[in-house]
């Protein structure tokens, strides 16, 4: 059982390795659809007057309103769409009018003919229309055989009757829908290279909405915005960091560390080479925060090493400390005060008990 499992795992790894060539699938769809739309658009353009008449005629045509405008839009969508398919340029945008053109064709031209494009007398999609067409095709073949010209007429292909159903139009619309979602593919489309150049110039870290909700207000600035900052805080190393995914990941890690250290509302602070994080002080401060006045955001008149207090003994706060446990705001307003509960005495906050 173990060898079979290992074989399946290995086979799956081989299958996953083929994803390196995933750009071939959209390329194949583009190469298939390009000549179809180019030919259809070129035919409408070459016989534009006939196309307009067919679009507007209510007796033998489509009977569409504004036939000139509709003919122009259909022709432009097919010709421009063919160019877009060939180059992979603005492909997702161009898929929208091409899909719309296919939908118009489906419901105005092909819908009443059923599914089949070529008439067949049997099968899942055969209907009364196609069965009758298949019967008449047999009669036509018998007549041609009796006349002696059947072999010459069918030398390069068999005779068929066009049913003109929705089969081809639906197939083209489905292929365009795939390209709309996946694009023209890596390496082989203009859109891919435009996107690479664009994101290489402006590296943007975009946190998820849930991340923003938990951590506060986050300001994300592009590389160009940092380069134009008048403060000149952006160093050469920070510019290079915006181009390196590993450096960006390290910057995000530092950002998370900053968020964990500040649990309240954040003010704008430069962090991790240009990643702007909101950070602010506590909303409430009291004597336990060692400031002279309640509500101070920084809690001291002078700062020695980023903490608070006028003078520091061991990185905490207070004017003078004996063992780093309590100072002003713990045992009394002044050092040397006596307490009856035995918690503060000589060696703690006061010189005498």
C-alpha atoms as a PDB file:
ATOM      1  CA  UNK A   1       0.000   0.000   0.000  1.00  0.00           C
ATOM      2  CA  UNK A   2       2.850   2.384   0.837  1.00  0.00           C
ATOM      3  CA  UNK A   3       4.510   2.043  -2.610  1.00  0.00           C
ATOM      4  CA  UNK A   4       1.185   2.812  -4.301  1.00  0.00           C
ATOM      5  CA  UNK A   5       0.723   5.875  -2.086  1.00  0.00           C
ATOM      6  CA  UNK A   6       4.231   7.119  -2.885  1.00  0.00           C
ATOM      7  CA  UNK A   7       3.588   6.546  -6.579  1.00  0.00           C
ATOM      8  CA  UNK A   8       0.388   8.597  -6.444  1.00  0.00           C
ATOM      9  CA  UNK A   9       2.161  11.392  -4.566  1.00  0.00           C
ATOM     10  CA  UNK A  10       4.944  11.415  -7.142  1.00  0.00           C
ATOM     11  CA  UNK A  11       2.412  11.432  -9.981  1.00  0.00           C
ATOM     12  CA  UNK A  12       0.629  14.386  -8.370  1.00  0.00           C
ATOM     13  CA  UNK A  13       3.909  16.273  -8.064  1.00  0.00           C
ATOM     14  CA  UNK A  14       4.559  15.684 -11.770  1.00  0.00           C
ATOM     15  CA  UNK A  15       1.063  16.902 -12.548  1.00  0.00           C
ATOM     16  CA  UNK A  16       1.575  20.036 -10.450  1.00  0.00           C
ATOM     17  CA  UNK A  17       4.856  20.720 -12.259  1.00  0.00           C
ATOM     18  CA  UNK A  18       2.919  21.190 -15.511  1.00  0.00           C
ATOM     19  CA  UNK A  19       1.476  24.397 -14.049  1.00  0.00           C
ATOM     20  CA  UNK A  20       4.687  26.059 -15.160  1.00  0.00           C
ATOM     21  CA  UNK A  21       3.171  25.905 -18.667  1.00  0.00           C
ATOM     22  CA  UNK A  22      -0.279  27.169 -17.690  1.00  0.00           C
ATOM     23  CA  UNK A  23       0.123  30.110 -20.066  1.00  0.00           C
ATOM     24  CA  UNK A  24      -0.385  27.745 -22.997  1.00  0.00           C
ATOM     25  CA  UNK A  25      -4.121  27.321 -22.268  1.00  0.00           C
ATOM     26  CA  UNK A  26      -5.158  30.983 -22.705  1.00  0.00           C
ATOM     27  CA  UNK A  27      -2.735  31.264 -25.614  1.00  0.00           C
ATOM     28  CA  UNK A  28      -4.502  28.389 -27.379  1.00  0.00           C
ATOM     29  CA  UNK A  29      -7.910  30.019 -26.848  1.00  0.00           C
ATOM     30  CA  UNK A  30      -6.617  33.305 -28.228  1.00  0.00           C
ATOM     31  CA  UNK A  31      -5.084  31.711 -31.303  1.00  0.00           C
ATOM     32  CA  UNK A  32      -8.319  29.810 -31.969  1.00  0.00           C
ATOM     33  CA  UNK A  33     -10.619  32.824 -31.628  1.00  0.00           C
ATOM     34  CA  UNK A  34      -8.486  35.442 -33.397  1.00  0.00           C
ATOM     35  CA  UNK A  35      -9.149  34.352 -37.021  1.00  0.00           C
ATOM     36  CA  UNK A  36     -12.829  33.716 -36.283  1.00  0.00           C
ATOM     37  CA  UNK A  37     -13.515  37.248 -35.048  1.00  0.00           C
ATOM     38  CA  UNK A  38     -11.217  38.861 -37.602  1.00  0.00           C
ATOM     39  CA  UNK A  39     -12.981  37.101 -40.483  1.00  0.00           C
ATOM     40  CA  UNK A  40     -16.450  37.940 -39.168  1.00  0.00           C
ATOM     41  CA  UNK A  41     -15.568  41.578 -38.567  1.00  0.00           C
ATOM     42  CA  UNK A  42     -13.804  41.973 -41.919  1.00  0.00           C
ATOM     43  CA  UNK A  43     -16.807  40.522 -43.761  1.00  0.00           C
ATOM     44  CA  UNK A  44     -19.166  42.966 -42.051  1.00  0.00           C
ATOM     45  CA  UNK A  45     -16.804  45.848 -42.821  1.00  0.00           C
ATOM     46  CA  UNK A  46     -16.403  44.858 -46.495  1.00  0.00           C
ATOM     47  CA  UNK A  47     -20.178  44.700 -46.998  1.00  0.00           C
ATOM     48  CA  UNK A  48     -21.199  47.285 -44.436  1.00  0.00           C
ATOM     49  CA  UNK A  49     -24.244  48.547 -46.377  1.00  0.00           C
ATOM     50  CA  UNK A  50     -25.611  45.005 -46.679  1.00  0.00           C
ATOM     51  CA  UNK A  51     -24.884  44.433 -42.996  1.00  0.00           C
ATOM     52  CA  UNK A  52     -26.865  47.529 -42.007  1.00  0.00           C
ATOM     53  CA  UNK A  53     -29.772  46.434 -44.181  1.00  0.00           C
ATOM     54  CA  UNK A  54     -29.737  42.935 -42.707  1.00  0.00           C
ATOM     55  CA  UNK A  55     -29.640  44.313 -39.174  1.00  0.00           C
ATOM     56  CA  UNK A  56     -32.638  46.611 -39.752  1.00  0.00           C
ATOM     57  CA  UNK A  57     -34.937  44.654 -42.088  1.00  0.00           C
ATOM     58  CA  UNK A  58     -37.970  43.238 -40.282  1.00  0.00           C
ATOM     59  CA  UNK A  59     -39.003  40.788 -43.027  1.00  0.00           C
ATOM     60  CA  UNK A  60     -35.859  38.805 -43.819  1.00  0.00           C
ATOM     61  CA  UNK A  61     -33.346  40.416 -41.455  1.00  0.00           C
ATOM     62  CA  UNK A  62     -32.934  40.838 -37.712  1.00  0.00           C
ATOM     63  CA  UNK A  63     -35.208  43.847 -37.312  1.00  0.00           C
ATOM     64  CA  UNK A  64     -32.924  45.556 -34.792  1.00  0.00           C
ATOM     65  CA  UNK A  65     -33.363  49.226 -33.826  1.00  0.00           C
ATOM     66  CA  UNK A  66     -30.706  51.720 -34.954  1.00  0.00           C
ATOM     67  CA  UNK A  67     -29.259  49.263 -37.497  1.00  0.00           C
ATOM     68  CA  UNK A  68     -26.362  51.526 -38.533  1.00  0.00           C
ATOM     69  CA  UNK A  69     -25.185  51.981 -34.955  1.00  0.00           C
ATOM     70  CA  UNK A  70     -25.638  48.305 -34.151  1.00  0.00           C
ATOM     71  CA  UNK A  71     -23.752  47.227 -37.290  1.00  0.00           C
ATOM     72  CA  UNK A  72     -20.896  49.614 -36.490  1.00  0.00           C
ATOM     73  CA  UNK A  73     -20.629  48.385 -32.877  1.00  0.00           C
ATOM     74  CA  UNK A  74     -20.662  44.734 -33.923  1.00  0.00           C
ATOM     75  CA  UNK A  75     -18.013  45.312 -36.604  1.00  0.00           C
ATOM     76  CA  UNK A  76     -15.794  47.338 -34.264  1.00  0.00           C
ATOM     77  CA  UNK A  77     -16.118  44.780 -31.467  1.00  0.00           C
ATOM     78  CA  UNK A  78     -15.095  41.913 -33.740  1.00  0.00           C
ATOM     79  CA  UNK A  79     -12.165  43.674 -35.438  1.00  0.00           C
ATOM     80  CA  UNK A  80     -10.788  45.284 -32.271  1.00  0.00           C
ATOM     81  CA  UNK A  81     -11.435  42.068 -30.387  1.00  0.00           C
ATOM     82  CA  UNK A  82      -9.392  40.099 -32.906  1.00  0.00           C
ATOM     83  CA  UNK A  83      -6.449  42.477 -32.448  1.00  0.00           C
ATOM     84  CA  UNK A  84      -6.801  42.251 -28.675  1.00  0.00           C
ATOM     85  CA  UNK A  85      -6.865  38.458 -28.835  1.00  0.00           C
ATOM     86  CA  UNK A  86      -3.771  38.337 -31.033  1.00  0.00           C
ATOM     87  CA  UNK A  87      -1.700  40.659 -28.828  1.00  0.00           C
ATOM     88  CA  UNK A  88      -3.187  39.902 -25.445  1.00  0.00           C
ATOM     89  CA  UNK A  89      -3.676  43.665 -25.025  1.00  0.00           C
ATOM     90  CA  UNK A  90      -6.559  44.910 -22.856  1.00  0.00           C
ATOM     91  CA  UNK A  91      -7.977  41.450 -23.358  1.00  0.00           C
ATOM     92  CA  UNK A  92     -10.212  41.282 -20.302  1.00  0.00           C
ATOM     93  CA  UNK A  93     -11.788  44.608 -21.230  1.00  0.00           C
ATOM     94  CA  UNK A  94     -12.323  43.585 -24.844  1.00  0.00           C
ATOM     95  CA  UNK A  95     -13.933  40.304 -23.813  1.00  0.00           C
ATOM     96  CA  UNK A  96     -16.945  42.277 -22.535  1.00  0.00           C
ATOM     97  CA  UNK A  97     -18.118  43.691 -25.920  1.00  0.00           C
ATOM     98  CA  UNK A  98     -17.265  40.442 -27.682  1.00  0.00           C
ATOM     99  CA  UNK A  99     -19.359  38.416 -25.228  1.00  0.00           C
ATOM    100  CA  UNK A 100     -22.179  40.939 -25.634  1.00  0.00           C
ATOM    101  CA  UNK A 101     -21.968  40.533 -29.423  1.00  0.00           C
ATOM    102  CA  UNK A 102     -22.215  36.775 -29.048  1.00  0.00           C
ATOM    103  CA  UNK A 103     -25.253  37.092 -26.787  1.00  0.00           C
ATOM    104  CA  UNK A 104     -26.997  39.320 -29.333  1.00  0.00           C
ATOM    105  CA  UNK A 105     -26.231  36.770 -32.059  1.00  0.00           C
ATOM    106  CA  UNK A 106     -27.486  33.893 -29.895  1.00  0.00           C
ATOM    107  CA  UNK A 107     -30.872  35.427 -29.117  1.00  0.00           C
ATOM    108  CA  UNK A 108     -31.554  37.232 -32.399  1.00  0.00           C
ATOM    109  CA  UNK A 109     -30.084  34.903 -35.044  1.00  0.00           C
ATOM    110  CA  UNK A 110     -29.600  31.349 -33.755  1.00  0.00           C
ATOM    111  CA  UNK A 111     -32.006  30.762 -30.868  1.00  0.00           C
ATOM    112  CA  UNK A 112     -35.040  29.599 -32.853  1.00  0.00           C
ATOM    113  CA  UNK A 113     -32.875  27.042 -34.732  1.00  0.00           C
ATOM    114  CA  UNK A 114     -31.996  25.023 -31.641  1.00  0.00           C
ATOM    115  CA  UNK A 115     -28.555  23.897 -30.551  1.00  0.00           C
ATOM    116  CA  UNK A 116     -26.974  22.190 -33.563  1.00  0.00           C
ATOM    117  CA  UNK A 117     -24.966  24.226 -36.046  1.00  0.00           C
ATOM    118  CA  UNK A 118     -24.992  21.343 -38.590  1.00  0.00           C
ATOM    119  CA  UNK A 119     -28.276  19.472 -39.087  1.00  0.00           C
ATOM    120  CA  UNK A 120     -28.265  15.867 -37.821  1.00  0.00           C
ATOM    121  CA  UNK A 121     -31.096  13.344 -37.835  1.00  0.00           C
ATOM    122  CA  UNK A 122     -30.239  11.784 -34.488  1.00  0.00           C
ATOM    123  CA  UNK A 123     -28.530  12.619 -31.252  1.00  0.00           C
ATOM    124  CA  UNK A 124     -29.215  14.407 -27.996  1.00  0.00           C
ATOM    125  CA  UNK A 125     -29.768  17.814 -29.610  1.00  0.00           C
ATOM    126  CA  UNK A 126     -31.666  16.654 -32.703  1.00  0.00           C
ATOM    127  CA  UNK A 127     -35.117  18.166 -33.120  1.00  0.00           C
ATOM    128  CA  UNK A 128     -37.858  18.103 -35.707  1.00  0.00           C
ATOM    129  CA  UNK A 129     -36.113  20.745 -37.784  1.00  0.00           C
ATOM    130  CA  UNK A 130     -32.808  18.873 -37.973  1.00  0.00           C
ATOM    131  CA  UNK A 131     -34.505  15.514 -38.620  1.00  0.00           C
ATOM    132  CA  UNK A 132     -36.405  16.984 -41.553  1.00  0.00           C
ATOM    133  CA  UNK A 133     -33.194  18.583 -42.829  1.00  0.00           C
ATOM    134  CA  UNK A 134     -31.394  15.234 -42.655  1.00  0.00           C
ATOM    135  CA  UNK A 135     -34.195  13.598 -44.691  1.00  0.00           C
ATOM    136  CA  UNK A 136     -33.956  16.233 -47.403  1.00  0.00           C
ATOM    137  CA  UNK A 137     -30.194  15.869 -47.485  1.00  0.00           C
ATOM    138  CA  UNK A 138     -30.613  12.189 -48.324  1.00  0.00           C
ATOM    139  CA  UNK A 139     -32.977  13.107 -51.189  1.00  0.00           C
ATOM    140  CA  UNK A 140     -30.480  15.630 -52.532  1.00  0.00           C
ATOM    141  CA  UNK A 141     -27.693  13.047 -52.490  1.00  0.00           C
ATOM    142  CA  UNK A 142     -29.841  10.560 -54.428  1.00  0.00           C
ATOM    143  CA  UNK A 143     -30.579  13.164 -57.092  1.00  0.00           C
ATOM    144  CA  UNK A 144     -26.897  14.016 -57.442  1.00  0.00           C
ATOM    145  CA  UNK A 145     -25.949  10.346 -57.705  1.00  0.00           C
ATOM    146  CA  UNK A 146     -28.488   9.808 -60.467  1.00  0.00           C
ATOM    147  CA  UNK A 147     -27.138  12.790 -62.370  1.00  0.00           C
ATOM    148  CA  UNK A 148     -23.592  11.447 -62.190  1.00  0.00           C
ATOM    149  CA  UNK A 149     -22.023  14.544 -60.650  1.00  0.00           C
ATOM    150  CA  UNK A 150     -22.094  13.467 -57.005  1.00  0.00           C
ATOM    151  CA  UNK A 151     -18.483  12.221 -56.928  1.00  0.00           C
ATOM    152  CA  UNK A 152     -17.175  15.450 -58.433  1.00  0.00           C
ATOM    153  CA  UNK A 153     -19.181  17.624 -56.063  1.00  0.00           C
ATOM    154  CA  UNK A 154     -18.115  15.707 -52.961  1.00  0.00           C
ATOM    155  CA  UNK A 155     -14.454  15.252 -53.919  1.00  0.00           C
ATOM    156  CA  UNK A 156     -13.279  17.715 -51.217  1.00  0.00           C
ATOM    157  CA  UNK A 157     -15.958  17.151 -48.587  1.00  0.00           C
ATOM    158  CA  UNK A 158     -19.364  15.726 -47.826  1.00  0.00           C
ATOM    159  CA  UNK A 159     -22.610  17.580 -48.351  1.00  0.00           C
ATOM    160  CA  UNK A 160     -24.286  18.923 -45.197  1.00  0.00           C
ATOM    161  CA  UNK A 161     -27.173  21.230 -44.342  1.00  0.00           C
ATOM    162  CA  UNK A 162     -26.421  24.182 -42.126  1.00  0.00           C
ATOM    163  CA  UNK A 163     -28.870  24.339 -39.231  1.00  0.00           C
ATOM    164  CA  UNK A 164     -27.367  27.579 -37.859  1.00  0.00           C
ATOM    165  CA  UNK A 165     -28.153  26.834 -34.216  1.00  0.00           C
ATOM    166  CA  UNK A 166     -26.555  28.381 -31.136  1.00  0.00           C
ATOM    167  CA  UNK A 167     -23.755  25.801 -30.852  1.00  0.00           C
ATOM    168  CA  UNK A 168     -20.898  27.882 -32.259  1.00  0.00           C
ATOM    169  CA  UNK A 169     -21.964  31.185 -30.686  1.00  0.00           C
ATOM    170  CA  UNK A 170     -22.305  29.617 -27.228  1.00  0.00           C
ATOM    171  CA  UNK A 171     -18.908  27.942 -27.622  1.00  0.00           C
ATOM    172  CA  UNK A 172     -17.234  31.228 -28.523  1.00  0.00           C
ATOM    173  CA  UNK A 173     -18.947  33.033 -25.636  1.00  0.00           C
ATOM    174  CA  UNK A 174     -17.784  30.360 -23.181  1.00  0.00           C
ATOM    175  CA  UNK A 175     -14.195  30.638 -24.405  1.00  0.00           C
ATOM    176  CA  UNK A 176     -14.322  34.422 -24.090  1.00  0.00           C
ATOM    177  CA  UNK A 177     -15.700  34.074 -20.570  1.00  0.00           C
ATOM    178  CA  UNK A 178     -12.668  31.978 -19.622  1.00  0.00           C
ATOM    179  CA  UNK A 179     -10.319  34.620 -21.022  1.00  0.00           C
ATOM    180  CA  UNK A 180     -12.240  37.326 -19.175  1.00  0.00           C
ATOM    181  CA  UNK A 181     -11.389  35.721 -15.838  1.00  0.00           C
ATOM    182  CA  UNK A 182      -7.848  34.408 -16.456  1.00  0.00           C
ATOM    183  CA  UNK A 183      -6.553  36.985 -18.944  1.00  0.00           C
ATOM    184  CA  UNK A 184      -4.176  36.423 -21.833  1.00  0.00           C
ATOM    185  CA  UNK A 185      -1.676  34.313 -19.904  1.00  0.00           C
ATOM    186  CA  UNK A 186       1.844  34.774 -18.617  1.00  0.00           C
ATOM    187  CA  UNK A 187       4.776  35.678 -20.888  1.00  0.00           C
ATOM    188  CA  UNK A 188       2.720  35.626 -24.116  1.00  0.00           C
ATOM    189  CA  UNK A 189       0.468  38.662 -23.650  1.00  0.00           C
ATOM    190  CA  UNK A 190       1.122  42.400 -23.606  1.00  0.00           C
ATOM    191  CA  UNK A 191      -1.072  42.730 -20.525  1.00  0.00           C
ATOM    192  CA  UNK A 192       1.305  40.503 -18.557  1.00  0.00           C
ATOM    193  CA  UNK A 193       4.351  42.678 -19.267  1.00  0.00           C
ATOM    194  CA  UNK A 194       2.474  45.911 -18.602  1.00  0.00           C
ATOM    195  CA  UNK A 195       1.419  44.535 -15.237  1.00  0.00           C
ATOM    196  CA  UNK A 196       4.969  43.483 -14.367  1.00  0.00           C
ATOM    197  CA  UNK A 197       6.397  46.908 -15.220  1.00  0.00           C
ATOM    198  CA  UNK A 198       3.636  48.657 -13.313  1.00  0.00           C
ATOM    199  CA  UNK A 199       4.069  46.701 -10.085  1.00  0.00           C
ATOM    200  CA  UNK A 200       7.850  46.842 -10.310  1.00  0.00           C
ATOM    201  CA  UNK A 201       7.707  50.653 -10.121  1.00  0.00           C
ATOM    202  CA  UNK A 202       5.163  50.862  -7.307  1.00  0.00           C
ATOM    203  CA  UNK A 203       5.357  48.178  -4.649  1.00  0.00           C
ATOM    204  CA  UNK A 204       2.241  48.447  -2.515  1.00  0.00           C
ATOM    205  CA  UNK A 205       1.474  46.414   0.577  1.00  0.00           C
ATOM    206  CA  UNK A 206      -2.295  45.967   0.734  1.00  0.00           C
ATOM    207  CA  UNK A 207      -3.507  44.462   4.009  1.00  0.00           C
ATOM    208  CA  UNK A 208      -6.783  42.601   4.188  1.00  0.00           C
ATOM    209  CA  UNK A 209      -9.863  44.376   5.608  1.00  0.00           C
ATOM    210  CA  UNK A 210      -9.831  42.059   8.619  1.00  0.00           C
ATOM    211  CA  UNK A 211      -6.179  42.965   9.249  1.00  0.00           C
ATOM    212  CA  UNK A 212      -7.049  46.643   9.165  1.00  0.00           C
ATOM    213  CA  UNK A 213     -10.008  46.133  11.471  1.00  0.00           C
ATOM    214  CA  UNK A 214      -7.893  44.428  14.108  1.00  0.00           C
ATOM    215  CA  UNK A 215      -4.849  46.647  13.930  1.00  0.00           C
ATOM    216  CA  UNK A 216      -6.279  50.087  13.317  1.00  0.00           C
ATOM    217  CA  UNK A 217      -5.953  52.631  10.573  1.00  0.00           C
ATOM    218  CA  UNK A 218      -3.181  51.811   8.099  1.00  0.00           C
ATOM    219  CA  UNK A 219      -1.740  54.241   5.583  1.00  0.00           C
ATOM    220  CA  UNK A 220      -0.255  52.614   2.496  1.00  0.00           C
ATOM    221  CA  UNK A 221       1.912  54.766   0.308  1.00  0.00           C
ATOM    222  CA  UNK A 222       3.435  53.965  -3.036  1.00  0.00           C
ATOM    223  CA  UNK A 223       7.117  54.218  -3.765  1.00  0.00           C
ATOM    224  CA  UNK A 224       6.575  57.387  -5.800  1.00  0.00           C
ATOM    225  CA  UNK A 225       4.770  59.075  -2.897  1.00  0.00           C
ATOM    226  CA  UNK A 226       7.697  58.342  -0.603  1.00  0.00           C
ATOM    227  CA  UNK A 227      10.194  59.644  -3.141  1.00  0.00           C
ATOM    228  CA  UNK A 228       8.334  62.965  -3.277  1.00  0.00           C
ATOM    229  CA  UNK A 229       8.147  63.385   0.516  1.00  0.00           C
ATOM    230  CA  UNK A 230       9.731  66.722   1.549  1.00  0.00           C
ATOM    231  CA  UNK A 231      11.067  65.312   4.808  1.00  0.00           C
ATOM    232  CA  UNK A 232      13.693  63.250   3.016  1.00  0.00           C
ATOM    233  CA  UNK A 233      13.335  60.342   5.431  1.00  0.00           C
ATOM    234  CA  UNK A 234      13.424  57.755   2.671  1.00  0.00           C
ATOM    235  CA  UNK A 235      16.883  56.286   2.462  1.00  0.00           C
ATOM    236  CA  UNK A 236      18.458  54.368  -0.369  1.00  0.00           C
ATOM    237  CA  UNK A 237      17.992  51.133   1.527  1.00  0.00           C
ATOM    238  CA  UNK A 238      14.284  51.879   1.969  1.00  0.00           C
ATOM    239  CA  UNK A 239      13.904  52.469  -1.774  1.00  0.00           C
ATOM    240  CA  UNK A 240      15.572  49.169  -2.514  1.00  0.00           C
ATOM    241  CA  UNK A 241      13.361  47.466   0.046  1.00  0.00           C
ATOM    242  CA  UNK A 242      10.244  48.381  -1.933  1.00  0.00           C
ATOM    243  CA  UNK A 243      11.611  46.319  -4.821  1.00  0.00           C
ATOM    244  CA  UNK A 244      12.456  43.171  -2.905  1.00  0.00           C
ATOM    245  CA  UNK A 245       9.707  40.776  -1.835  1.00  0.00           C
ATOM    246  CA  UNK A 246      11.815  39.440   1.051  1.00  0.00           C
ATOM    247  CA  UNK A 247      12.396  42.934   2.401  1.00  0.00           C
ATOM    248  CA  UNK A 248       8.700  43.685   2.098  1.00  0.00           C
ATOM    249  CA  UNK A 249       7.912  40.526   4.068  1.00  0.00           C
ATOM    250  CA  UNK A 250      10.367  41.603   6.776  1.00  0.00           C
ATOM    251  CA  UNK A 251       8.713  45.004   6.841  1.00  0.00           C
ATOM    252  CA  UNK A 252       5.314  43.383   7.309  1.00  0.00           C
ATOM    253  CA  UNK A 253       6.731  41.351  10.211  1.00  0.00           C
ATOM    254  CA  UNK A 254       7.975  44.529  11.880  1.00  0.00           C
ATOM    255  CA  UNK A 255       4.568  46.062  11.323  1.00  0.00           C
ATOM    256  CA  UNK A 256       2.909  43.152  13.110  1.00  0.00           C
ATOM    257  CA  UNK A 257       5.340  43.580  15.989  1.00  0.00           C
ATOM    258  CA  UNK A 258       4.438  47.234  16.249  1.00  0.00           C
ATOM    259  CA  UNK A 259       0.737  46.411  16.232  1.00  0.00           C
ATOM    260  CA  UNK A 260       1.150  43.946  19.062  1.00  0.00           C
ATOM    261  CA  UNK A 261       3.071  46.497  21.137  1.00  0.00           C
ATOM    262  CA  UNK A 262       0.421  49.186  20.731  1.00  0.00           C
ATOM    263  CA  UNK A 263      -3.052  47.908  21.523  1.00  0.00           C
ATOM    264  CA  UNK A 264      -4.825  51.226  21.183  1.00  0.00           C
ATOM    265  CA  UNK A 265      -5.585  53.683  18.387  1.00  0.00           C
ATOM    266  CA  UNK A 266      -2.472  54.323  16.261  1.00  0.00           C
ATOM    267  CA  UNK A 267      -0.962  57.522  14.930  1.00  0.00           C
ATOM    268  CA  UNK A 268       1.051  57.733  11.726  1.00  0.00           C
ATOM    269  CA  UNK A 269       4.571  56.413  12.333  1.00  0.00           C
ATOM    270  CA  UNK A 270       7.260  55.385   9.848  1.00  0.00           C
ATOM    271  CA  UNK A 271       7.923  51.695  10.302  1.00  0.00           C
ATOM    272  CA  UNK A 272       9.744  49.063   8.280  1.00  0.00           C
ATOM    273  CA  UNK A 273      11.169  51.234   5.506  1.00  0.00           C
ATOM    274  CA  UNK A 274       8.184  53.198   4.417  1.00  0.00           C
ATOM    275  CA  UNK A 275       5.305  51.070   5.654  1.00  0.00           C
ATOM    276  CA  UNK A 276       3.126  53.641   7.387  1.00  0.00           C
ATOM    277  CA  UNK A 277       1.427  52.314  10.473  1.00  0.00           C
ATOM    278  CA  UNK A 278      -1.014  54.182  12.685  1.00  0.00           C
ATOM    279  CA  UNK A 279      -0.012  54.345  16.334  1.00  0.00           C
ATOM    280  CA  UNK A 280      -0.942  56.413  19.352  1.00  0.00           C
ATOM    281  CA  UNK A 281      -0.563  56.528  23.079  1.00  0.00           C
ATOM    282  CA  UNK A 282      -3.007  55.246  25.658  1.00  0.00           C
ATOM    283  CA  UNK A 283      -6.229  57.179  25.940  1.00  0.00           C
ATOM    284  CA  UNK A 284      -6.090  57.121  29.710  1.00  0.00           C
ATOM    285  CA  UNK A 285      -3.086  57.616  31.930  1.00  0.00           C
ATOM    286  CA  UNK A 286      -2.893  58.056  35.659  1.00  0.00           C
ATOM    287  CA  UNK A 287      -0.393  58.043  38.448  1.00  0.00           C
ATOM    288  CA  UNK A 288       0.518  54.476  37.628  1.00  0.00           C
ATOM    289  CA  UNK A 289       1.865  55.732  34.292  1.00  0.00           C
ATOM    290  CA  UNK A 290       4.317  57.999  36.126  1.00  0.00           C
ATOM    291  CA  UNK A 291       3.260  61.332  34.576  1.00  0.00           C
ATOM    292  CA  UNK A 292       2.707  64.486  36.502  1.00  0.00           C
ATOM    293  CA  UNK A 293      -0.718  65.018  34.914  1.00  0.00           C
ATOM    294  CA  UNK A 294      -3.412  62.533  34.009  1.00  0.00           C
ATOM    295  CA  UNK A 295      -4.146  62.066  30.329  1.00  0.00           C
ATOM    296  CA  UNK A 296      -0.627  62.846  29.090  1.00  0.00           C
ATOM    297  CA  UNK A 297       0.197  60.744  26.042  1.00  0.00           C
ATOM    298  CA  UNK A 298       3.917  60.578  26.778  1.00  0.00           C
ATOM    299  CA  UNK A 299       3.829  60.819  30.584  1.00  0.00           C
ATOM    300  CA  UNK A 300       6.972  62.808  31.331  1.00  0.00           C
ATOM    301  CA  UNK A 301       8.664  66.148  30.843  1.00  0.00           C
ATOM    302  CA  UNK A 302      11.891  64.716  29.534  1.00  0.00           C
ATOM    303  CA  UNK A 303      12.798  61.416  27.952  1.00  0.00           C
ATOM    304  CA  UNK A 304      16.032  59.584  28.499  1.00  0.00           C
ATOM    305  CA  UNK A 305      15.725  56.515  26.328  1.00  0.00           C
ATOM    306  CA  UNK A 306      12.153  56.466  24.973  1.00  0.00           C
ATOM    307  CA  UNK A 307      10.432  55.821  28.364  1.00  0.00           C
ATOM    308  CA  UNK A 308       9.362  58.540  30.760  1.00  0.00           C
ATOM    309  CA  UNK A 309      10.451  60.404  33.861  1.00  0.00           C
ATOM    310  CA  UNK A 310      12.941  63.132  34.642  1.00  0.00           C
ATOM    311  CA  UNK A 311      15.611  60.759  35.855  1.00  0.00           C
ATOM    312  CA  UNK A 312      15.822  57.018  35.509  1.00  0.00           C
ATOM    313  CA  UNK A 313      17.545  54.391  37.563  1.00  0.00           C
ATOM    314  CA  UNK A 314      16.765  51.168  35.752  1.00  0.00           C
ATOM    315  CA  UNK A 315      14.524  52.037  32.743  1.00  0.00           C
ATOM    316  CA  UNK A 316      11.298  52.569  34.763  1.00  0.00           C
ATOM    317  CA  UNK A 317      10.105  55.963  35.915  1.00  0.00           C
ATOM    318  CA  UNK A 318      10.200  58.261  38.942  1.00  0.00           C
ATOM    319  CA  UNK A 319      12.559  60.881  40.274  1.00  0.00           C
ATOM    320  CA  UNK A 320      14.663  58.542  42.350  1.00  0.00           C
ATOM    321  CA  UNK A 321      14.352  54.837  42.984  1.00  0.00           C
ATOM    322  CA  UNK A 322      15.864  52.468  45.453  1.00  0.00           C
ATOM    323  CA  UNK A 323      15.170  49.083  43.957  1.00  0.00           C
ATOM    324  CA  UNK A 324      13.177  49.893  40.768  1.00  0.00           C
ATOM    325  CA  UNK A 325       9.791  48.869  42.177  1.00  0.00           C
ATOM    326  CA  UNK A 326       7.964  52.010  43.153  1.00  0.00           C
ATOM    327  CA  UNK A 327       8.410  55.730  43.020  1.00  0.00           C
ATOM    328  CA  UNK A 328       6.205  58.651  42.738  1.00  0.00           C
ATOM    329  CA  UNK A 329       2.616  57.445  42.505  1.00  0.00           C
ATOM    330  CA  UNK A 330       3.167  54.181  44.391  1.00  0.00           C
ATOM    331  CA  UNK A 331       3.596  54.848  48.101  1.00  0.00           C
ATOM    332  CA  UNK A 332       2.880  58.538  48.259  1.00  0.00           C
ATOM    333  CA  UNK A 333       3.258  61.842  46.623  1.00  0.00           C
ATOM    334  CA  UNK A 334       6.756  62.153  48.052  1.00  0.00           C
ATOM    335  CA  UNK A 335       9.399  59.640  48.761  1.00  0.00           C
ATOM    336  CA  UNK A 336       9.953  58.884  52.389  1.00  0.00           C
ATOM    337  CA  UNK A 337       6.236  58.634  53.266  1.00  0.00           C
ATOM    338  CA  UNK A 338       5.316  56.083  55.871  1.00  0.00           C
ATOM    339  CA  UNK A 339       2.702  53.378  55.354  1.00  0.00           C
ATOM    340  CA  UNK A 340       0.966  51.208  57.948  1.00  0.00           C
ATOM    341  CA  UNK A 341       0.203  48.246  55.743  1.00  0.00           C
ATOM    342  CA  UNK A 342       3.792  47.130  55.635  1.00  0.00           C
ATOM    343  CA  UNK A 343       4.031  47.173  51.881  1.00  0.00           C
ATOM    344  CA  UNK A 344       6.273  50.176  51.581  1.00  0.00           C
ATOM    345  CA  UNK A 345       9.024  50.798  54.023  1.00  0.00           C
ATOM    346  CA  UNK A 346      12.713  51.212  54.359  1.00  0.00           C
ATOM    347  CA  UNK A 347      14.402  50.007  51.224  1.00  0.00           C
ATOM    348  CA  UNK A 348      11.321  50.324  49.148  1.00  0.00           C
ATOM    349  CA  UNK A 349       9.982  53.831  48.849  1.00  0.00           C
ATOM    350  CA  UNK A 350      10.964  55.607  52.024  1.00  0.00           C
ATOM    351  CA  UNK A 351      14.239  56.259  53.778  1.00  0.00           C
ATOM    352  CA  UNK A 352      12.667  55.586  57.188  1.00  0.00           C
ATOM    353  CA  UNK A 353       9.838  53.308  58.347  1.00  0.00           C
END
